[in-house]
Amino acid sequence: MNETKDLMNKLSIAFKNIALVKEIESPENPGGFEKRVALTPEDIGQLTAAGVNVFVEYGAGLGVNFEDAEYLENGAVMQKVDDIYKDKDMIIKFKGPSLESISRMKKGCTLFCMAHFHSFPDRAKLLEENQINVIAMEEILESPKVQTDEQIIARTSMKAAIKNFIDDGTIGNLKIFVIGRNERLAGSIRRAGNRNPRSLSLLHENVKFEELTETGSETLYFYDSADFNDSNGIIRKLKQTRSHIFDLHEFEIKHGDAAIAEYRKTHAPAEFGLRRIQCLHETGQAGARYGIKLLKENKPQLDIRDAKVVVLGYGNVARGAMHEIYDQGFKNIHILGRTQTAKDEIDFWLKDVDLVVNGAELPIKQRGITYLVSNDHLKKVIPKGSVVIDLVGGSETNRSPVESVLSCTFLTEPHFIKEEVTVSALWGWPMLGMMRESAIKYSSQITDVLITTEKLIKGLDSLSAGVKRALVCGPFK
């Protein structure tokens, strides 16, 4: 606490009076099922120790079992809804505000929340008319991008594994199979996907050699011996075929230090990296978990270990989905990138599919024009009773890559049926069984952005690069 206070004494605090308000029904929270609070009592304590006056609405944390008394113990001032918006420099909440609450905010104050500004144009217009500055939590990025040694090993090992195929122009014919799941292998999957192989799959470590669908000179099997108990002897048996085999751990031992040094020498950190305030991995996990639940209900006779599952994309949300699907024992996860989602290719992957998980985003200009999973796919290609989970979401003005998703679904009605296919695109996936855990994670990230790394507390005149891009409304004085 003393270190935090000493730090803040050196800073000018522009947002001296901050309000933490309770989550209520709003455009993206129909029924008020979003109960998470944006800041925990412990993190409120960090802010008050730093010299910030924090006002908390009564009952703000009760939905995730944080009592008003805990906030009081950490220096907060408790207020009722009639007072919580008055004379505040910054208003913090998790979801975007209700339309009614905007009129309570003073002109020139700053709203800090998951704004989804372009998804709710009527609310965006009202915020602009009332001259409310809006910083969208979901738009804040690392700046510069952080690259750990483990992430670099993941990239460079896969780069080495596919180098010859890139050099001789045969990468488009290569079928890549990654055996086992850990974060290093997940990073390698992303590198492979960006190089457009013929196919890319994640195999469960318990898969048997007899269950492999492909071997030969146009296949690459990639694994990490540091985290792979090859109880079925699959690597030994693969070595008797013409398949290419690559061990990430062996590469690390022989070339790891040199590869990391060379990468850092030749790759200056990108200006922007990952989202600073996010539960992307948890989003993927929760969405996939719900999809598997629906699949079991729709196809009770199906052994999910043998189910055909495809994941669109290989970013952070998709990686969370792969994690959950893998942990639930699916033998083979097909991972689709640009090559596999092309118009003349994706039908092959959706045919006979049981579970589709979309974690791929389209550029804003293509949203509402291009669809990766179309209504025609639901009608003619995807079997009846199958499940489509969309982790990207959207709204009528900011459409999802899944055409049937006109807007996100909510806990009031989390899925719907179209062409006898079950579709879900829930807004706030971590609410499914991860309410308190995700609230704690978000709170720590918000606090870090406010007073530690980005020092947002200093005001709109000194925003860091990663926060400046998130000022979606304003600046107003």
Protein backbone atom coordinates (compact mmCIF):
# COMPACT_ATOMS: atom_id res chain seq x y z
CA MET A 1 0.00 0.00 0.00
CA ASN A 2 2.82 2.42 0.88
CA GLU A 3 4.45 1.81 -2.51
CA THR A 4 1.16 2.61 -4.26
CA LYS A 5 0.72 5.79 -2.24
CA ASP A 6 4.29 6.91 -2.90
CA LEU A 7 3.73 6.34 -6.59
CA MET A 8 0.52 8.32 -6.70
CA ASN A 9 2.01 11.20 -4.74
CA LYS A 10 4.22 11.80 -7.75
CA LEU A 11 1.21 11.94 -10.07
CA SER A 12 -1.42 14.56 -10.56
CA ILE A 13 -4.81 12.92 -10.07
CA ALA A 14 -7.33 14.26 -12.56
CA PHE A 15 -10.02 11.75 -11.66
CA LYS A 16 -10.14 12.58 -7.97
CA ASN A 17 -13.73 11.46 -7.33
CA ILE A 18 -14.65 8.06 -8.78
CA ALA A 19 -18.00 6.29 -8.58
CA LEU A 20 -18.38 2.51 -8.77
CA VAL A 21 -21.99 1.88 -9.76
CA LYS A 22 -24.14 -1.22 -9.59
CA GLU A 23 -24.90 -3.25 -12.69
CA ILE A 24 -28.54 -2.90 -13.71
CA GLU A 25 -30.67 -3.69 -16.72
CA SER A 26 -29.27 -2.02 -19.83
CA PRO A 27 -29.22 -2.62 -23.62
CA GLU A 28 -26.63 -5.43 -23.26
CA ASN A 29 -27.96 -6.63 -19.90
CA PRO A 30 -31.65 -7.42 -20.36
CA GLY A 31 -33.16 -8.87 -17.24
CA GLY A 32 -30.21 -7.56 -15.22
CA PHE A 33 -28.49 -10.95 -15.18
CA GLU A 34 -25.05 -9.31 -15.26
CA LYS A 35 -24.19 -9.25 -11.56
CA ARG A 36 -20.44 -8.74 -11.73
CA VAL A 37 -18.92 -5.64 -10.21
CA ALA A 38 -16.09 -3.76 -11.92
CA LEU A 39 -13.93 -3.34 -8.79
CA THR A 40 -13.43 -5.59 -5.77
CA PRO A 41 -13.08 -4.19 -2.23
CA GLU A 42 -9.37 -5.05 -2.21
CA ASP A 43 -8.75 -3.07 -5.39
CA ILE A 44 -10.84 -0.19 -4.09
CA GLY A 45 -8.37 -0.19 -1.20
CA GLN A 46 -5.50 0.37 -3.63
CA LEU A 47 -7.29 3.37 -5.14
CA THR A 48 -8.16 4.98 -1.82
CA ALA A 49 -4.60 4.42 -0.56
CA ALA A 50 -3.40 6.26 -3.65
CA GLY A 51 -5.43 9.31 -2.73
CA VAL A 52 -8.57 8.76 -4.82
CA ASN A 53 -12.01 9.34 -3.32
CA VAL A 54 -14.06 6.27 -4.23
CA PHE A 55 -17.83 6.21 -3.89
CA VAL A 56 -19.57 2.84 -4.16
CA GLU A 57 -23.25 2.32 -4.76
CA TYR A 58 -24.95 0.23 -2.08
CA GLY A 59 -25.17 -3.41 -3.15
CA ALA A 60 -22.77 -3.03 -6.08
CA GLY A 61 -20.81 -6.16 -5.20
CA LEU A 62 -23.53 -8.38 -3.75
CA GLY A 63 -24.06 -10.23 -7.02
CA VAL A 64 -20.60 -11.78 -6.68
CA ASN A 65 -20.59 -11.91 -2.86
CA PHE A 66 -18.74 -8.72 -1.98
CA GLU A 67 -20.46 -7.07 0.98
CA ASP A 68 -20.90 -3.32 1.44
CA ALA A 69 -18.95 -3.63 4.70
CA GLU A 70 -15.90 -4.85 2.76
CA TYR A 71 -15.93 -1.71 0.64
CA LEU A 72 -16.24 0.46 3.71
CA GLU A 73 -13.28 -1.32 5.30
CA ASN A 74 -11.21 -0.41 2.24
CA GLY A 75 -11.94 3.30 2.42
CA ALA A 76 -14.96 3.63 0.14
CA VAL A 77 -17.89 5.96 0.78
CA MET A 78 -21.21 4.18 0.22
CA GLN A 79 -23.97 6.05 -1.63
CA LYS A 80 -27.49 5.41 -2.87
CA VAL A 81 -28.40 5.48 -6.56
CA ASP A 82 -29.74 9.05 -6.29
CA ASP A 83 -26.32 10.33 -5.23
CA ILE A 84 -23.82 8.01 -6.87
CA TYR A 85 -23.60 9.90 -10.19
CA LYS A 86 -23.48 13.41 -8.70
CA ASP A 87 -20.28 15.43 -9.06
CA LYS A 88 -18.10 12.49 -10.08
CA ASP A 89 -15.06 12.83 -12.34
CA MET A 90 -15.19 9.19 -13.44
CA ILE A 91 -17.92 6.57 -13.37
CA ILE A 92 -16.79 2.96 -13.45
CA LYS A 93 -19.03 0.04 -14.24
CA PHE A 94 -18.68 -3.22 -16.08
CA LYS A 95 -21.31 -3.20 -18.82
CA GLY A 96 -22.46 -0.12 -20.69
CA PRO A 97 -24.95 2.19 -18.96
CA SER A 98 -28.72 2.22 -19.11
CA LEU A 99 -30.15 5.10 -21.13
CA GLU A 100 -31.80 6.55 -18.02
CA SER A 101 -28.53 6.74 -16.07
CA ILE A 102 -26.80 8.87 -18.72
CA SER A 103 -28.90 11.90 -17.77
CA ARG A 104 -27.59 11.57 -14.18
CA MET A 105 -23.97 12.01 -15.28
CA LYS A 106 -22.47 15.47 -15.21
CA LYS A 107 -21.28 17.06 -18.44
CA GLY A 108 -17.60 16.36 -19.07
CA CYS A 109 -17.29 13.38 -16.75
CA THR A 110 -15.70 10.16 -17.97
CA LEU A 111 -17.48 6.83 -18.21
CA PHE A 112 -15.13 3.85 -18.01
CA CYS A 113 -16.84 0.59 -18.98
CA MET A 114 -17.21 -2.14 -21.60
CA ALA A 115 -18.81 0.37 -23.94
CA HIS A 116 -19.35 -1.57 -27.20
CA PHE A 117 -19.92 1.90 -28.58
CA HIS A 118 -20.71 1.00 -32.18
CA SER A 119 -23.13 -1.77 -31.26
CA PHE A 120 -25.65 0.59 -29.64
CA PRO A 121 -25.91 3.72 -31.83
CA ASP A 122 -28.84 5.26 -29.93
CA ARG A 123 -26.90 5.12 -26.68
CA ALA A 124 -23.75 6.39 -28.38
CA LYS A 125 -25.66 9.39 -29.71
CA LEU A 126 -27.09 10.14 -26.26
CA LEU A 127 -23.64 10.00 -24.66
CA GLU A 128 -22.31 12.40 -27.28
CA GLU A 129 -25.25 14.77 -26.84
CA ASN A 130 -24.67 14.80 -23.08
CA GLN A 131 -20.92 15.35 -23.63
CA ILE A 132 -19.87 12.29 -21.66
CA ASN A 133 -16.34 11.08 -22.30
CA VAL A 134 -16.30 7.33 -22.84
CA ILE A 135 -13.28 5.07 -22.49
CA ALA A 136 -14.11 1.58 -23.72
CA MET A 137 -12.36 -1.02 -21.58
CA GLU A 138 -12.49 -3.56 -24.39
CA GLU A 139 -10.53 -1.22 -26.69
CA ILE A 140 -7.49 -0.67 -24.42
CA LEU A 141 -4.42 -2.51 -25.69
CA GLU A 142 -0.94 -3.26 -24.44
CA SER A 143 1.47 -0.66 -25.73
CA PRO A 144 4.00 -1.81 -26.68
CA LYS A 145 3.15 -5.45 -27.24
CA VAL A 146 4.62 -7.84 -24.67
CA GLN A 147 6.45 -10.89 -26.01
CA THR A 148 7.62 -13.47 -23.48
CA ASP A 149 10.38 -15.99 -24.13
CA GLU A 150 7.77 -18.78 -24.08
CA GLN A 151 5.74 -17.04 -26.77
CA ILE A 152 8.83 -16.57 -28.90
CA ILE A 153 9.77 -20.26 -28.56
CA ALA A 154 6.24 -21.17 -29.65
CA ARG A 155 6.55 -19.04 -32.78
CA THR A 156 10.11 -19.89 -33.73
CA SER A 157 9.76 -23.63 -33.20
CA MET A 158 6.79 -23.84 -35.56
CA LYS A 159 8.60 -21.55 -37.99
CA ALA A 160 11.49 -24.02 -38.04
CA ALA A 161 9.12 -26.98 -38.40
CA ILE A 162 7.46 -25.61 -41.54
CA LYS A 163 10.44 -23.74 -43.04
CA ASN A 164 11.17 -26.25 -45.78
CA PHE A 165 7.51 -26.35 -46.82
CA ILE A 166 7.44 -22.56 -47.03
CA ASP A 167 10.69 -22.47 -49.00
CA ASP A 168 9.65 -25.03 -51.59
CA GLY A 169 6.09 -23.72 -51.91
CA THR A 170 4.34 -26.85 -50.62
CA ILE A 171 2.86 -25.38 -47.44
CA GLY A 172 -0.53 -25.29 -49.14
CA ASN A 173 -0.48 -29.09 -49.34
CA LEU A 174 0.71 -29.68 -45.79
CA LYS A 175 -1.58 -31.16 -43.14
CA ILE A 176 -0.38 -30.18 -39.67
CA PHE A 177 -1.33 -32.15 -36.56
CA VAL A 178 -0.41 -30.79 -33.13
CA ILE A 179 -0.46 -33.48 -30.44
CA GLY A 180 -1.33 -32.38 -26.91
CA ARG A 181 -2.28 -29.00 -25.47
CA ASN A 182 -0.34 -26.42 -23.51
CA GLU A 183 0.18 -22.69 -23.96
CA ARG A 184 3.38 -23.16 -25.96
CA LEU A 185 1.65 -25.48 -28.39
CA ALA A 186 -1.26 -23.02 -28.58
CA GLY A 187 1.17 -20.32 -29.68
CA SER A 188 2.63 -22.69 -32.26
CA ILE A 189 -0.85 -23.35 -33.62
CA ARG A 190 -1.33 -19.64 -34.20
CA ARG A 191 1.95 -19.42 -36.10
CA ALA A 192 1.02 -22.41 -38.24
CA GLY A 193 -2.44 -21.09 -38.99
CA ASN A 194 -1.04 -17.79 -40.21
CA ARG A 195 0.99 -19.65 -42.83
CA ASN A 196 -2.07 -21.19 -44.51
CA PRO A 197 -1.42 -24.94 -44.49
CA ARG A 198 -3.86 -27.31 -46.15
CA SER A 199 -5.27 -28.21 -42.73
CA LEU A 200 -4.49 -27.75 -39.06
CA SER A 201 -5.72 -30.03 -36.27
CA LEU A 202 -5.23 -30.44 -32.53
CA LEU A 203 -5.08 -34.09 -31.46
CA HIS A 204 -5.65 -35.30 -27.92
CA GLU A 205 -2.54 -36.78 -26.33
CA ASN A 206 -4.44 -40.03 -25.75
CA VAL A 207 -5.07 -40.55 -29.46
CA LYS A 208 -3.95 -43.91 -30.78
CA PHE A 209 -1.90 -44.43 -33.92
CA GLU A 210 -4.73 -46.46 -35.44
CA GLU A 211 -7.03 -43.45 -35.06
CA LEU A 212 -4.87 -41.14 -37.17
CA THR A 213 -6.54 -40.17 -40.41
CA GLU A 214 -3.40 -39.11 -42.28
CA THR A 215 0.26 -40.07 -42.49
CA GLY A 216 2.82 -39.57 -45.21
CA SER A 217 5.12 -36.95 -46.70
CA GLU A 218 2.44 -34.24 -46.71
CA THR A 219 1.79 -34.48 -42.97
CA LEU A 220 3.60 -32.86 -40.07
CA TYR A 221 3.17 -34.05 -36.47
CA PHE A 222 4.24 -31.41 -33.95
CA TYR A 223 4.48 -32.05 -30.19
CA ASP A 224 6.23 -30.93 -27.00
CA SER A 225 8.07 -33.79 -25.29
CA ALA A 226 8.46 -31.70 -22.13
CA ASP A 227 4.71 -32.06 -21.60
CA PHE A 228 3.71 -35.24 -23.44
CA ASN A 229 3.44 -38.68 -21.89
CA ASP A 230 3.34 -40.76 -25.06
CA SER A 231 1.65 -43.73 -23.44
CA ASN A 232 0.38 -45.03 -26.77
CA GLY A 233 3.79 -44.92 -28.47
CA ILE A 234 2.42 -42.75 -31.26
CA ILE A 235 5.71 -40.95 -31.95
CA ARG A 236 7.61 -44.22 -32.28
CA LYS A 237 5.01 -45.53 -34.71
CA LEU A 238 4.95 -42.28 -36.70
CA LYS A 239 8.70 -42.52 -37.18
CA GLN A 240 8.04 -45.70 -39.16
CA THR A 241 6.00 -43.69 -41.67
CA ARG A 242 7.02 -40.93 -44.09
CA SER A 243 5.39 -38.28 -41.90
CA HIS A 244 7.46 -35.33 -40.72
CA ILE A 245 7.85 -35.13 -36.91
CA PHE A 246 8.96 -32.11 -34.89
CA ASP A 247 9.55 -31.81 -31.13
CA LEU A 248 9.22 -28.29 -29.71
CA HIS A 249 11.21 -29.23 -26.60
CA GLU A 250 14.11 -30.64 -28.61
CA PHE A 251 14.20 -27.39 -30.61
CA GLU A 252 14.21 -25.42 -27.37
CA ILE A 253 17.18 -27.36 -25.98
CA LYS A 254 19.25 -27.07 -29.15
CA HIS A 255 18.29 -23.65 -30.49
CA GLY A 256 16.10 -21.90 -27.91
CA ASP A 257 18.49 -19.24 -26.60
CA ALA A 258 19.72 -18.33 -30.06
CA ALA A 259 16.20 -18.25 -31.49
CA ILE A 260 14.96 -15.93 -28.73
CA ALA A 261 17.94 -13.60 -29.12
CA GLU A 262 17.59 -13.44 -32.90
CA TYR A 263 13.84 -12.85 -32.68
CA ARG A 264 14.22 -9.97 -30.24
CA LYS A 265 16.99 -8.50 -32.38
CA THR A 266 14.94 -8.59 -35.58
CA HIS A 267 11.44 -7.94 -34.20
CA ALA A 268 10.94 -4.63 -32.46
CA PRO A 269 7.88 -4.77 -30.19
CA ALA A 270 4.69 -3.86 -32.05
CA GLU A 271 2.99 -0.64 -30.99
CA PHE A 272 -0.07 -2.50 -29.73
CA GLY A 273 -0.58 -5.96 -28.29
CA LEU A 274 -3.36 -7.79 -26.47
CA ARG A 275 -6.40 -6.34 -24.75
CA ARG A 276 -5.50 -5.08 -21.31
CA ILE A 277 -8.88 -5.71 -19.72
CA GLN A 278 -10.19 -9.06 -20.81
CA CYS A 279 -11.23 -12.60 -19.99
CA LEU A 280 -10.74 -13.87 -23.53
CA HIS A 281 -9.52 -17.32 -22.57
CA GLU A 282 -12.39 -17.71 -20.11
CA THR A 283 -14.82 -16.57 -22.81
CA GLY A 284 -13.63 -19.34 -25.09
CA GLN A 285 -13.77 -21.91 -22.32
CA ALA A 286 -17.28 -20.96 -21.20
CA GLY A 287 -18.64 -20.84 -24.76
CA ALA A 288 -17.21 -24.22 -25.67
CA ARG A 289 -18.46 -25.71 -22.41
CA TYR A 290 -21.98 -24.52 -23.15
CA GLY A 291 -21.75 -25.81 -26.72
CA ILE A 292 -20.73 -29.26 -25.51
CA LYS A 293 -23.63 -29.25 -23.05
CA LEU A 294 -26.07 -28.43 -25.87
CA LEU A 295 -24.50 -31.06 -28.11
CA LYS A 296 -24.96 -33.75 -25.48
CA GLU A 297 -28.61 -32.75 -25.15
CA ASN A 298 -29.18 -32.71 -28.92
CA LYS A 299 -27.28 -35.91 -29.71
CA PRO A 300 -27.39 -38.09 -26.58
CA GLN A 301 -26.15 -41.17 -28.45
CA LEU A 302 -23.01 -39.42 -29.70
CA ASP A 303 -19.67 -40.21 -28.08
CA ILE A 304 -18.25 -36.69 -27.96
CA ARG A 305 -14.71 -38.04 -28.11
CA ASP A 306 -15.45 -38.99 -31.70
CA ALA A 307 -17.49 -35.89 -32.54
CA LYS A 308 -16.45 -33.70 -35.42
CA VAL A 309 -15.66 -30.27 -34.03
CA VAL A 310 -14.28 -27.23 -35.84
CA VAL A 311 -12.95 -24.03 -34.29
CA LEU A 312 -12.78 -20.99 -36.54
CA GLY A 313 -9.75 -18.89 -35.72
CA TYR A 314 -6.75 -19.42 -33.45
CA GLY A 315 -6.60 -16.21 -31.42
CA ASN A 316 -7.03 -15.85 -27.68
CA VAL A 317 -10.76 -16.57 -27.53
CA ALA A 318 -10.44 -19.54 -29.86
CA ARG A 319 -7.54 -20.87 -27.79
CA GLY A 320 -9.77 -20.86 -24.73
CA ALA A 321 -12.33 -22.89 -26.66
CA MET A 322 -9.67 -25.37 -27.77
CA HIS A 323 -8.56 -25.70 -24.15
CA GLU A 324 -12.06 -26.64 -22.98
CA ILE A 325 -12.80 -28.97 -25.89
CA TYR A 326 -9.47 -30.72 -25.43
CA ASP A 327 -9.98 -31.12 -21.68
CA GLN A 328 -13.37 -32.71 -22.31
CA GLY A 329 -11.70 -35.45 -24.31
CA PHE A 330 -12.43 -34.69 -27.97
CA LYS A 331 -9.90 -36.62 -30.02
CA ASN A 332 -9.54 -34.21 -32.94
CA ILE A 333 -10.18 -30.47 -33.16
CA HIS A 334 -10.11 -29.02 -36.66
CA ILE A 335 -8.79 -25.45 -36.60
CA LEU A 336 -9.87 -23.27 -39.49
CA GLY A 337 -7.96 -20.23 -40.73
CA ARG A 338 -8.19 -18.12 -43.89
CA THR A 339 -7.57 -21.06 -46.21
CA GLN A 340 -10.18 -23.32 -44.65
CA THR A 341 -12.85 -20.61 -44.28
CA ALA A 342 -12.61 -19.49 -47.91
CA LYS A 343 -15.92 -19.68 -49.75
CA ASP A 344 -14.95 -22.73 -51.79
CA GLU A 345 -13.41 -24.58 -48.83
CA ILE A 346 -15.55 -24.18 -45.73
CA ASP A 347 -18.37 -26.46 -46.89
CA PHE A 348 -15.95 -29.39 -46.63
CA TRP A 349 -15.28 -28.63 -42.96
CA LEU A 350 -18.90 -27.97 -42.04
CA LYS A 351 -20.19 -31.14 -43.66
CA ASP A 352 -21.03 -33.75 -40.99
CA VAL A 353 -19.88 -31.37 -38.24
CA ASP A 354 -21.30 -31.76 -34.74
CA LEU A 355 -19.96 -28.63 -33.04
CA VAL A 356 -18.85 -25.35 -34.61
CA VAL A 357 -17.13 -22.74 -32.43
CA ASN A 358 -16.49 -19.40 -34.09
CA GLY A 359 -13.63 -17.36 -32.63
CA ALA A 360 -12.76 -15.55 -35.86
CA GLU A 361 -13.46 -11.85 -36.23
CA LEU A 362 -13.95 -10.04 -39.50
CA PRO A 363 -12.74 -6.50 -40.20
CA ILE A 364 -15.43 -3.93 -39.42
CA LYS A 365 -15.93 -3.13 -43.12
CA GLN A 366 -16.80 -6.77 -43.85
CA ARG A 367 -19.24 -7.19 -40.97
CA GLY A 368 -22.76 -7.55 -42.24
CA ILE A 369 -21.47 -8.26 -45.75
CA THR A 370 -19.35 -11.39 -45.41
CA TYR A 371 -20.32 -14.41 -43.32
CA LEU A 372 -18.13 -17.38 -42.48
CA VAL A 373 -21.09 -19.51 -41.35
CA SER A 374 -24.08 -18.55 -43.48
CA ASN A 375 -27.77 -19.31 -43.17
CA ASP A 376 -27.34 -21.45 -46.26
CA HIS A 377 -24.80 -23.55 -44.34
CA LEU A 378 -27.37 -24.11 -41.59
CA LYS A 379 -29.97 -25.12 -44.15
CA LYS A 380 -27.93 -27.29 -46.50
CA VAL A 381 -24.58 -28.29 -44.98
CA ILE A 382 -24.55 -28.47 -41.17
CA PRO A 383 -26.49 -31.53 -39.92
CA LYS A 384 -29.66 -31.12 -37.90
CA GLY A 385 -29.07 -31.22 -34.17
CA SER A 386 -25.57 -29.80 -34.46
CA VAL A 387 -24.50 -26.77 -32.45
CA VAL A 388 -22.96 -23.45 -33.50
CA ILE A 389 -21.33 -21.34 -30.80
CA ASP A 390 -20.32 -17.80 -31.72
CA LEU A 391 -17.72 -16.30 -29.38
CA VAL A 392 -17.41 -13.02 -31.29
CA GLY A 393 -20.97 -11.74 -31.08
CA GLY A 394 -22.33 -8.53 -32.47
CA SER A 395 -25.45 -6.50 -33.03
CA GLU A 396 -27.63 -5.41 -35.91
CA THR A 397 -25.20 -2.58 -36.64
CA ASN A 398 -22.04 -4.63 -36.02
CA ARG A 399 -22.80 -8.12 -37.28
CA SER A 400 -21.22 -11.41 -36.33
CA PRO A 401 -19.47 -13.67 -38.88
CA VAL A 402 -22.31 -16.13 -38.17
CA GLU A 403 -25.17 -14.86 -40.33
CA SER A 404 -27.99 -16.12 -38.13
CA VAL A 405 -26.66 -14.07 -35.19
CA LEU A 406 -28.49 -10.78 -35.71
CA SER A 407 -27.38 -9.75 -32.23
CA CYS A 408 -25.89 -11.44 -29.19
CA THR A 409 -28.05 -13.72 -27.13
CA PHE A 410 -28.48 -13.15 -23.39
CA LEU A 411 -29.03 -15.26 -20.31
CA THR A 412 -32.76 -14.57 -20.72
CA GLU A 413 -32.61 -16.76 -23.87
CA PRO A 414 -29.05 -18.00 -24.40
CA HIS A 415 -29.65 -20.00 -27.59
CA PHE A 416 -32.10 -20.32 -30.46
CA ILE A 417 -32.92 -22.84 -33.17
CA LYS A 418 -32.54 -22.09 -36.86
CA GLU A 419 -32.94 -24.73 -39.56
CA GLU A 420 -32.92 -27.31 -36.72
CA VAL A 421 -29.40 -26.23 -35.74
CA THR A 422 -28.83 -24.80 -32.24
CA VAL A 423 -27.08 -21.42 -32.23
CA SER A 424 -25.77 -19.40 -29.29
CA ALA A 425 -23.85 -16.11 -29.19
CA LEU A 426 -24.03 -15.11 -25.57
CA TRP A 427 -23.05 -11.62 -24.44
CA GLY A 428 -20.83 -12.22 -21.44
CA TRP A 429 -19.81 -15.85 -21.71
CA PRO A 430 -17.84 -15.89 -18.42
CA MET A 431 -21.12 -15.32 -16.59
CA LEU A 432 -21.73 -19.03 -17.15
CA GLY A 433 -20.09 -20.42 -14.03
CA MET A 434 -17.26 -17.89 -13.81
CA MET A 435 -19.00 -14.84 -12.34
CA ARG A 436 -16.86 -14.14 -9.28
CA GLU A 437 -13.60 -15.41 -10.78
CA SER A 438 -13.91 -13.22 -13.87
CA ALA A 439 -14.98 -10.21 -11.78
CA ILE A 440 -11.79 -10.52 -9.70
CA LYS A 441 -9.66 -10.81 -12.84
CA TYR A 442 -11.31 -7.80 -14.52
CA SER A 443 -10.97 -5.74 -11.35
CA SER A 444 -7.24 -6.35 -11.06
CA GLN A 445 -6.74 -5.35 -14.69
CA ILE A 446 -8.86 -2.21 -14.33
CA THR A 447 -6.91 -1.17 -11.23
CA ASP A 448 -3.62 -1.74 -13.02
CA VAL A 449 -4.73 0.46 -15.93
CA LEU A 450 -5.91 3.18 -13.54
CA ILE A 451 -2.91 3.59 -11.26
CA THR A 452 0.00 1.36 -12.24
CA THR A 453 0.89 0.73 -15.85
CA GLU A 454 -1.14 3.16 -17.95
CA LYS A 455 -1.86 5.62 -15.09
CA LEU A 456 -5.23 6.56 -16.54
CA ILE A 457 -5.97 8.35 -13.27
CA LYS A 458 -3.81 11.27 -14.50
CA GLY A 459 -6.57 12.29 -16.91
CA LEU A 460 -7.53 12.61 -20.57
CA ASP A 461 -4.69 15.01 -21.33
CA SER A 462 -2.02 12.38 -20.72
CA LEU A 463 -3.48 9.13 -22.04
CA SER A 464 -1.03 6.40 -22.98
CA ALA A 465 -1.12 5.15 -26.56
CA GLY A 466 -2.97 1.98 -25.57
CA VAL A 467 -5.72 3.96 -23.81
CA LYS A 468 -6.00 6.88 -26.24
CA ARG A 469 -7.40 4.59 -28.93
CA ALA A 470 -10.12 3.55 -26.45
CA LEU A 471 -11.48 7.08 -26.04
CA VAL A 472 -14.52 6.41 -28.22
CA CYS A 473 -16.51 9.50 -27.21
CA GLY A 474 -15.01 12.91 -26.44
CA PRO A 475 -12.88 14.54 -25.25
CA PHE A 476 -15.31 16.96 -23.66
CA LYS A 477 -14.42 19.39 -20.89
